[in-house]
Amino acid sequence: MSKSINWYYHRKNCTSCTRAQDLIQSMKVNLPEMIIANKVKFYREDALKLIRECDVAMITRGRKRIDVSINTMSDEEIASLALGRSGTLRAPAFRIGKRFVIGFHAEAYQEFLGESK
């Protein structure tokens, strides 16, 4: 049985967001209503609130995957990884249970969204 995404943040005309959505759809994962990042901005405080609701996060920087435990990090550390140059939450971003994922990383998506074993 596939897992479900609880919350999904997507930026139109973004290569990483398009690749993420294509992979998620190919895995037949149920998506909630998409929040369009071009229209709805999550600035620092709102982004930190969303992320702090989770226990762990997987954040990408380029091709690098960073797995972090949210409870062990300061707001500054989280913000430096999760926010873009404009000071808003980076996209694509989604939440699966108590995991928060930011950026596109095909292997991580398959690990988090693949068939339960």
N, C-alpha and C. Protein backbone atom coordinates (compact mmCIF):
# COMPACT_ATOMS: atom_id res chain seq x y z
N MET A 1 0.84 -1.17 0.00
CA MET A 1 0.00 0.00 0.00
C MET A 1 0.89 1.25 0.00
N SER A 2 0.61 2.19 -0.87
CA SER A 2 1.39 3.41 -0.96
C SER A 2 1.08 4.36 0.19
N LYS A 3 2.03 5.17 0.51
CA LYS A 3 1.83 6.18 1.55
C LYS A 3 1.12 7.38 0.95
N SER A 4 0.63 8.23 1.82
CA SER A 4 -0.07 9.43 1.37
C SER A 4 0.69 10.66 1.84
N ILE A 5 0.65 11.69 1.02
CA ILE A 5 1.23 12.97 1.38
C ILE A 5 0.15 13.77 2.09
N ASN A 6 0.50 14.35 3.25
CA ASN A 6 -0.47 15.11 4.04
C ASN A 6 -0.58 16.57 3.61
N TRP A 7 0.52 17.12 3.11
CA TRP A 7 0.58 18.54 2.76
C TRP A 7 1.59 18.68 1.62
N TYR A 8 1.25 19.48 0.61
CA TYR A 8 2.11 19.56 -0.59
C TYR A 8 2.22 21.00 -1.08
N TYR A 9 3.46 21.46 -1.26
CA TYR A 9 3.77 22.84 -1.67
C TYR A 9 4.54 22.77 -2.97
N HIS A 10 4.06 23.46 -3.99
CA HIS A 10 4.58 23.32 -5.36
C HIS A 10 4.69 24.69 -6.02
N ARG A 11 5.77 24.91 -6.77
CA ARG A 11 5.95 26.16 -7.49
C ARG A 11 5.78 25.88 -8.98
N LYS A 12 4.86 26.62 -9.61
CA LYS A 12 4.64 26.45 -11.05
C LYS A 12 5.89 26.91 -11.81
N ASN A 13 6.14 26.23 -12.92
CA ASN A 13 7.28 26.54 -13.80
C ASN A 13 8.63 26.34 -13.13
N CYS A 14 8.69 25.46 -12.18
CA CYS A 14 9.93 25.12 -11.48
C CYS A 14 10.33 23.71 -11.91
N THR A 15 11.55 23.56 -12.39
CA THR A 15 12.01 22.25 -12.88
C THR A 15 11.96 21.19 -11.79
N SER A 16 12.46 21.50 -10.60
CA SER A 16 12.46 20.52 -9.50
C SER A 16 11.05 20.15 -9.09
N CYS A 17 10.15 21.13 -9.06
CA CYS A 17 8.75 20.87 -8.68
C CYS A 17 8.07 19.98 -9.71
N THR A 18 8.34 20.24 -10.98
CA THR A 18 7.75 19.43 -12.05
C THR A 18 8.27 18.00 -11.98
N ARG A 19 9.58 17.84 -11.77
CA ARG A 19 10.16 16.49 -11.66
C ARG A 19 9.59 15.77 -10.44
N ALA A 20 9.44 16.49 -9.34
CA ALA A 20 8.87 15.90 -8.12
C ALA A 20 7.45 15.43 -8.35
N GLN A 21 6.64 16.30 -8.94
CA GLN A 21 5.23 15.95 -9.16
C GLN A 21 5.12 14.76 -10.12
N ASP A 22 5.93 14.74 -11.17
CA ASP A 22 5.89 13.62 -12.12
C ASP A 22 6.24 12.30 -11.43
N LEU A 23 7.26 12.31 -10.59
CA LEU A 23 7.66 11.09 -9.88
C LEU A 23 6.57 10.66 -8.89
N ILE A 24 6.03 11.60 -8.15
CA ILE A 24 4.97 11.29 -7.18
C ILE A 24 3.76 10.69 -7.89
N GLN A 25 3.36 11.29 -9.00
CA GLN A 25 2.21 10.77 -9.75
C GLN A 25 2.49 9.40 -10.34
N SER A 26 3.73 9.16 -10.79
CA SER A 26 4.07 7.85 -11.35
C SER A 26 4.03 6.76 -10.28
N MET A 27 4.22 7.16 -9.01
CA MET A 27 4.17 6.21 -7.90
C MET A 27 2.75 6.03 -7.39
N LYS A 28 1.80 6.72 -8.01
CA LYS A 28 0.38 6.62 -7.66
C LYS A 28 0.11 6.97 -6.19
N VAL A 29 0.80 8.00 -5.72
CA VAL A 29 0.60 8.48 -4.35
C VAL A 29 -0.54 9.48 -4.36
N ASN A 30 -1.41 9.38 -3.38
CA ASN A 30 -2.53 10.33 -3.27
C ASN A 30 -1.99 11.68 -2.81
N LEU A 31 -2.30 12.70 -3.60
CA LEU A 31 -1.87 14.06 -3.28
C LEU A 31 -3.04 14.86 -2.72
N PRO A 32 -2.78 15.63 -1.66
CA PRO A 32 -3.82 16.55 -1.18
C PRO A 32 -3.88 17.74 -2.14
N GLU A 33 -4.76 18.67 -1.87
CA GLU A 33 -4.80 19.87 -2.70
C GLU A 33 -3.44 20.56 -2.64
N MET A 34 -2.95 20.91 -3.80
CA MET A 34 -1.63 21.50 -3.91
C MET A 34 -1.67 22.98 -3.52
N ILE A 35 -0.71 23.40 -2.72
CA ILE A 35 -0.56 24.82 -2.39
C ILE A 35 0.46 25.37 -3.37
N ILE A 36 0.07 26.37 -4.13
CA ILE A 36 0.94 26.93 -5.16
C ILE A 36 1.83 28.01 -4.54
N ALA A 37 3.13 27.76 -4.56
CA ALA A 37 4.10 28.66 -3.94
C ALA A 37 4.14 30.03 -4.60
N ASN A 38 3.76 30.10 -5.88
CA ASN A 38 3.75 31.39 -6.56
C ASN A 38 2.66 32.30 -6.00
N LYS A 39 1.64 31.71 -5.39
CA LYS A 39 0.51 32.48 -4.86
C LYS A 39 0.52 32.58 -3.34
N VAL A 40 0.92 31.52 -2.66
CA VAL A 40 0.92 31.47 -1.19
C VAL A 40 2.36 31.36 -0.71
N LYS A 41 2.80 32.35 0.02
CA LYS A 41 4.19 32.38 0.52
C LYS A 41 4.22 31.98 1.99
N PHE A 42 5.18 31.14 2.33
CA PHE A 42 5.41 30.78 3.73
C PHE A 42 6.73 31.43 4.13
N TYR A 43 6.62 32.55 4.84
CA TYR A 43 7.82 33.25 5.31
C TYR A 43 8.38 32.54 6.53
N ARG A 44 9.48 33.01 7.04
CA ARG A 44 10.28 32.33 8.06
C ARG A 44 9.44 31.75 9.21
N GLU A 45 8.67 32.57 9.88
CA GLU A 45 7.92 32.10 11.05
C GLU A 45 6.92 31.00 10.70
N ASP A 46 6.17 31.19 9.62
CA ASP A 46 5.19 30.18 9.21
C ASP A 46 5.87 28.90 8.75
N ALA A 47 6.98 29.04 8.03
CA ALA A 47 7.72 27.86 7.56
C ALA A 47 8.28 27.08 8.75
N LEU A 48 8.86 27.78 9.71
CA LEU A 48 9.41 27.10 10.89
C LEU A 48 8.31 26.40 11.68
N LYS A 49 7.15 27.02 11.78
CA LYS A 49 6.02 26.40 12.48
C LYS A 49 5.63 25.08 11.81
N LEU A 50 5.53 25.09 10.48
CA LEU A 50 5.19 23.87 9.73
C LEU A 50 6.23 22.78 9.95
N ILE A 51 7.49 23.16 9.84
CA ILE A 51 8.58 22.19 9.95
C ILE A 51 8.68 21.64 11.37
N ARG A 52 8.51 22.48 12.37
CA ARG A 52 8.62 22.05 13.77
C ARG A 52 7.50 21.09 14.19
N GLU A 53 6.44 20.98 13.40
CA GLU A 53 5.39 19.99 13.68
C GLU A 53 5.88 18.58 13.39
N CYS A 54 7.02 18.45 12.73
CA CYS A 54 7.55 17.14 12.33
C CYS A 54 8.74 16.76 13.22
N ASP A 55 9.11 15.49 13.17
CA ASP A 55 10.25 15.00 13.95
C ASP A 55 11.55 15.06 13.16
N VAL A 56 11.47 14.71 11.87
CA VAL A 56 12.66 14.68 11.02
C VAL A 56 12.38 15.38 9.71
N ALA A 57 13.46 15.78 9.05
CA ALA A 57 13.32 16.41 7.74
C ALA A 57 14.40 15.88 6.81
N MET A 58 14.06 15.83 5.54
CA MET A 58 15.02 15.53 4.49
C MET A 58 15.03 16.77 3.60
N ILE A 59 16.19 17.39 3.50
CA ILE A 59 16.31 18.63 2.75
C ILE A 59 17.42 18.45 1.73
N THR A 60 17.18 18.92 0.52
CA THR A 60 18.23 18.83 -0.49
C THR A 60 18.83 20.20 -0.75
N ARG A 61 20.09 20.17 -1.08
CA ARG A 61 20.84 21.34 -1.55
C ARG A 61 21.59 20.85 -2.77
N GLY A 62 21.12 21.25 -3.95
CA GLY A 62 21.71 20.69 -5.17
C GLY A 62 21.39 19.21 -5.21
N ARG A 63 22.41 18.39 -5.36
CA ARG A 63 22.21 16.93 -5.37
C ARG A 63 22.44 16.31 -4.00
N LYS A 64 22.81 17.14 -3.02
CA LYS A 64 23.13 16.66 -1.69
C LYS A 64 21.86 16.49 -0.85
N ARG A 65 21.74 15.35 -0.21
CA ARG A 65 20.61 15.05 0.67
C ARG A 65 21.06 15.24 2.12
N ILE A 66 20.27 16.01 2.87
CA ILE A 66 20.58 16.27 4.28
C ILE A 66 19.42 15.77 5.11
N ASP A 67 19.68 14.77 5.96
CA ASP A 67 18.66 14.24 6.88
C ASP A 67 18.92 14.84 8.25
N VAL A 68 17.89 15.45 8.83
CA VAL A 68 18.08 16.12 10.11
C VAL A 68 16.97 15.74 11.09
N SER A 69 17.32 15.81 12.37
CA SER A 69 16.35 15.66 13.44
C SER A 69 15.95 17.07 13.85
N ILE A 70 14.68 17.40 13.66
CA ILE A 70 14.19 18.76 13.88
C ILE A 70 14.42 19.23 15.32
N ASN A 71 14.20 18.36 16.28
CA ASN A 71 14.29 18.75 17.70
C ASN A 71 15.70 19.13 18.14
N THR A 72 16.72 18.73 17.39
CA THR A 72 18.10 19.03 17.77
C THR A 72 18.64 20.28 17.10
N MET A 73 17.82 20.94 16.27
CA MET A 73 18.30 22.09 15.50
C MET A 73 17.69 23.40 15.99
N SER A 74 18.46 24.46 15.86
CA SER A 74 17.95 25.79 16.19
C SER A 74 17.12 26.31 15.02
N ASP A 75 16.33 27.35 15.28
CA ASP A 75 15.54 27.96 14.21
C ASP A 75 16.46 28.48 13.10
N GLU A 76 17.60 29.03 13.46
CA GLU A 76 18.54 29.55 12.46
C GLU A 76 19.06 28.45 11.55
N GLU A 77 19.38 27.29 12.13
CA GLU A 77 19.88 26.17 11.33
C GLU A 77 18.81 25.67 10.37
N ILE A 78 17.59 25.54 10.86
CA ILE A 78 16.50 25.08 10.00
C ILE A 78 16.24 26.09 8.90
N ALA A 79 16.17 27.37 9.26
CA ALA A 79 15.89 28.42 8.28
C ALA A 79 16.96 28.46 7.20
N SER A 80 18.22 28.25 7.56
CA SER A 80 19.29 28.31 6.56
C SER A 80 19.15 27.20 5.52
N LEU A 81 18.56 26.08 5.89
CA LEU A 81 18.36 24.97 4.97
C LEU A 81 17.02 25.03 4.23
N ALA A 82 16.00 25.50 4.91
CA ALA A 82 14.63 25.41 4.38
C ALA A 82 14.15 26.62 3.59
N LEU A 83 14.78 27.76 3.81
CA LEU A 83 14.32 28.97 3.14
C LEU A 83 15.21 29.34 1.97
N GLY A 84 14.59 29.88 0.94
CA GLY A 84 15.34 30.33 -0.23
C GLY A 84 15.86 31.74 -0.04
N ARG A 85 16.46 32.29 -1.10
CA ARG A 85 17.02 33.65 -1.04
C ARG A 85 15.97 34.70 -0.73
N SER A 86 14.73 34.44 -1.13
CA SER A 86 13.65 35.41 -0.90
C SER A 86 13.13 35.37 0.53
N GLY A 87 13.61 34.41 1.33
CA GLY A 87 13.15 34.29 2.71
C GLY A 87 11.88 33.48 2.87
N THR A 88 11.48 32.77 1.80
CA THR A 88 10.29 31.93 1.86
C THR A 88 10.67 30.46 1.77
N LEU A 89 9.75 29.62 2.18
CA LEU A 89 9.96 28.17 2.13
C LEU A 89 10.28 27.74 0.70
N ARG A 90 11.29 26.91 0.57
CA ARG A 90 11.67 26.38 -0.74
C ARG A 90 10.64 25.35 -1.19
N ALA A 91 10.50 25.21 -2.49
CA ALA A 91 9.59 24.23 -3.06
C ALA A 91 10.39 23.36 -4.03
N PRO A 92 9.99 22.11 -4.23
CA PRO A 92 8.83 21.45 -3.67
C PRO A 92 9.05 21.09 -2.20
N ALA A 93 7.96 21.04 -1.48
CA ALA A 93 8.00 20.64 -0.08
C ALA A 93 6.73 19.86 0.23
N PHE A 94 6.86 18.83 1.04
CA PHE A 94 5.68 18.09 1.46
C PHE A 94 5.91 17.43 2.80
N ARG A 95 4.81 17.02 3.41
CA ARG A 95 4.85 16.35 4.71
C ARG A 95 4.21 14.99 4.58
N ILE A 96 4.90 13.99 5.14
CA ILE A 96 4.38 12.63 5.21
C ILE A 96 4.43 12.27 6.69
N GLY A 97 3.27 12.24 7.32
CA GLY A 97 3.25 11.96 8.76
C GLY A 97 4.08 12.97 9.51
N LYS A 98 5.14 12.50 10.18
CA LYS A 98 6.02 13.38 10.96
C LYS A 98 7.34 13.66 10.23
N ARG A 99 7.36 13.45 8.90
CA ARG A 99 8.54 13.75 8.08
C ARG A 99 8.24 14.93 7.17
N PHE A 100 9.19 15.85 7.09
CA PHE A 100 9.06 17.01 6.21
C PHE A 100 10.14 16.89 5.15
N VAL A 101 9.76 17.05 3.89
CA VAL A 101 10.69 16.90 2.78
C VAL A 101 10.73 18.22 2.01
N ILE A 102 11.95 18.72 1.76
CA ILE A 102 12.12 19.95 1.00
C ILE A 102 13.11 19.68 -0.12
N GLY A 103 12.70 20.01 -1.34
CA GLY A 103 13.56 19.80 -2.50
C GLY A 103 13.25 18.48 -3.19
N PHE A 104 13.92 18.25 -4.30
CA PHE A 104 13.69 17.03 -5.06
C PHE A 104 14.89 16.11 -4.94
N HIS A 105 14.64 14.87 -4.54
CA HIS A 105 15.66 13.83 -4.44
C HIS A 105 14.94 12.51 -4.73
N ALA A 106 15.11 12.00 -5.94
CA ALA A 106 14.35 10.83 -6.40
C ALA A 106 14.47 9.64 -5.45
N GLU A 107 15.67 9.33 -4.98
CA GLU A 107 15.84 8.17 -4.09
C GLU A 107 15.10 8.36 -2.78
N ALA A 108 15.15 9.55 -2.23
CA ALA A 108 14.44 9.82 -0.97
C ALA A 108 12.94 9.72 -1.18
N TYR A 109 12.44 10.23 -2.30
CA TYR A 109 11.02 10.14 -2.59
C TYR A 109 10.60 8.67 -2.64
N GLN A 110 11.39 7.86 -3.32
CA GLN A 110 11.04 6.43 -3.43
C GLN A 110 11.10 5.77 -2.06
N GLU A 111 12.05 6.18 -1.23
CA GLU A 111 12.15 5.63 0.12
C GLU A 111 10.94 6.03 0.96
N PHE A 112 10.54 7.29 0.92
CA PHE A 112 9.44 7.79 1.74
C PHE A 112 8.07 7.43 1.20
N LEU A 113 7.94 7.30 -0.11
CA LEU A 113 6.63 7.11 -0.72
C LEU A 113 6.41 5.73 -1.31
N GLY A 114 7.43 4.91 -1.33
CA GLY A 114 7.33 3.60 -1.95
C GLY A 114 6.44 2.63 -1.19
N GLU A 115 6.38 1.45 -1.71
CA GLU A 115 5.58 0.40 -1.09
C GLU A 115 6.05 0.13 0.32
N SER A 116 5.12 0.01 1.24
CA SER A 116 5.43 -0.36 2.62
C SER A 116 5.88 -1.80 2.65
N LYS A 117 6.87 -2.09 3.50
CA LYS A 117 7.39 -3.46 3.55
C LYS A 117 6.99 -4.14 4.83
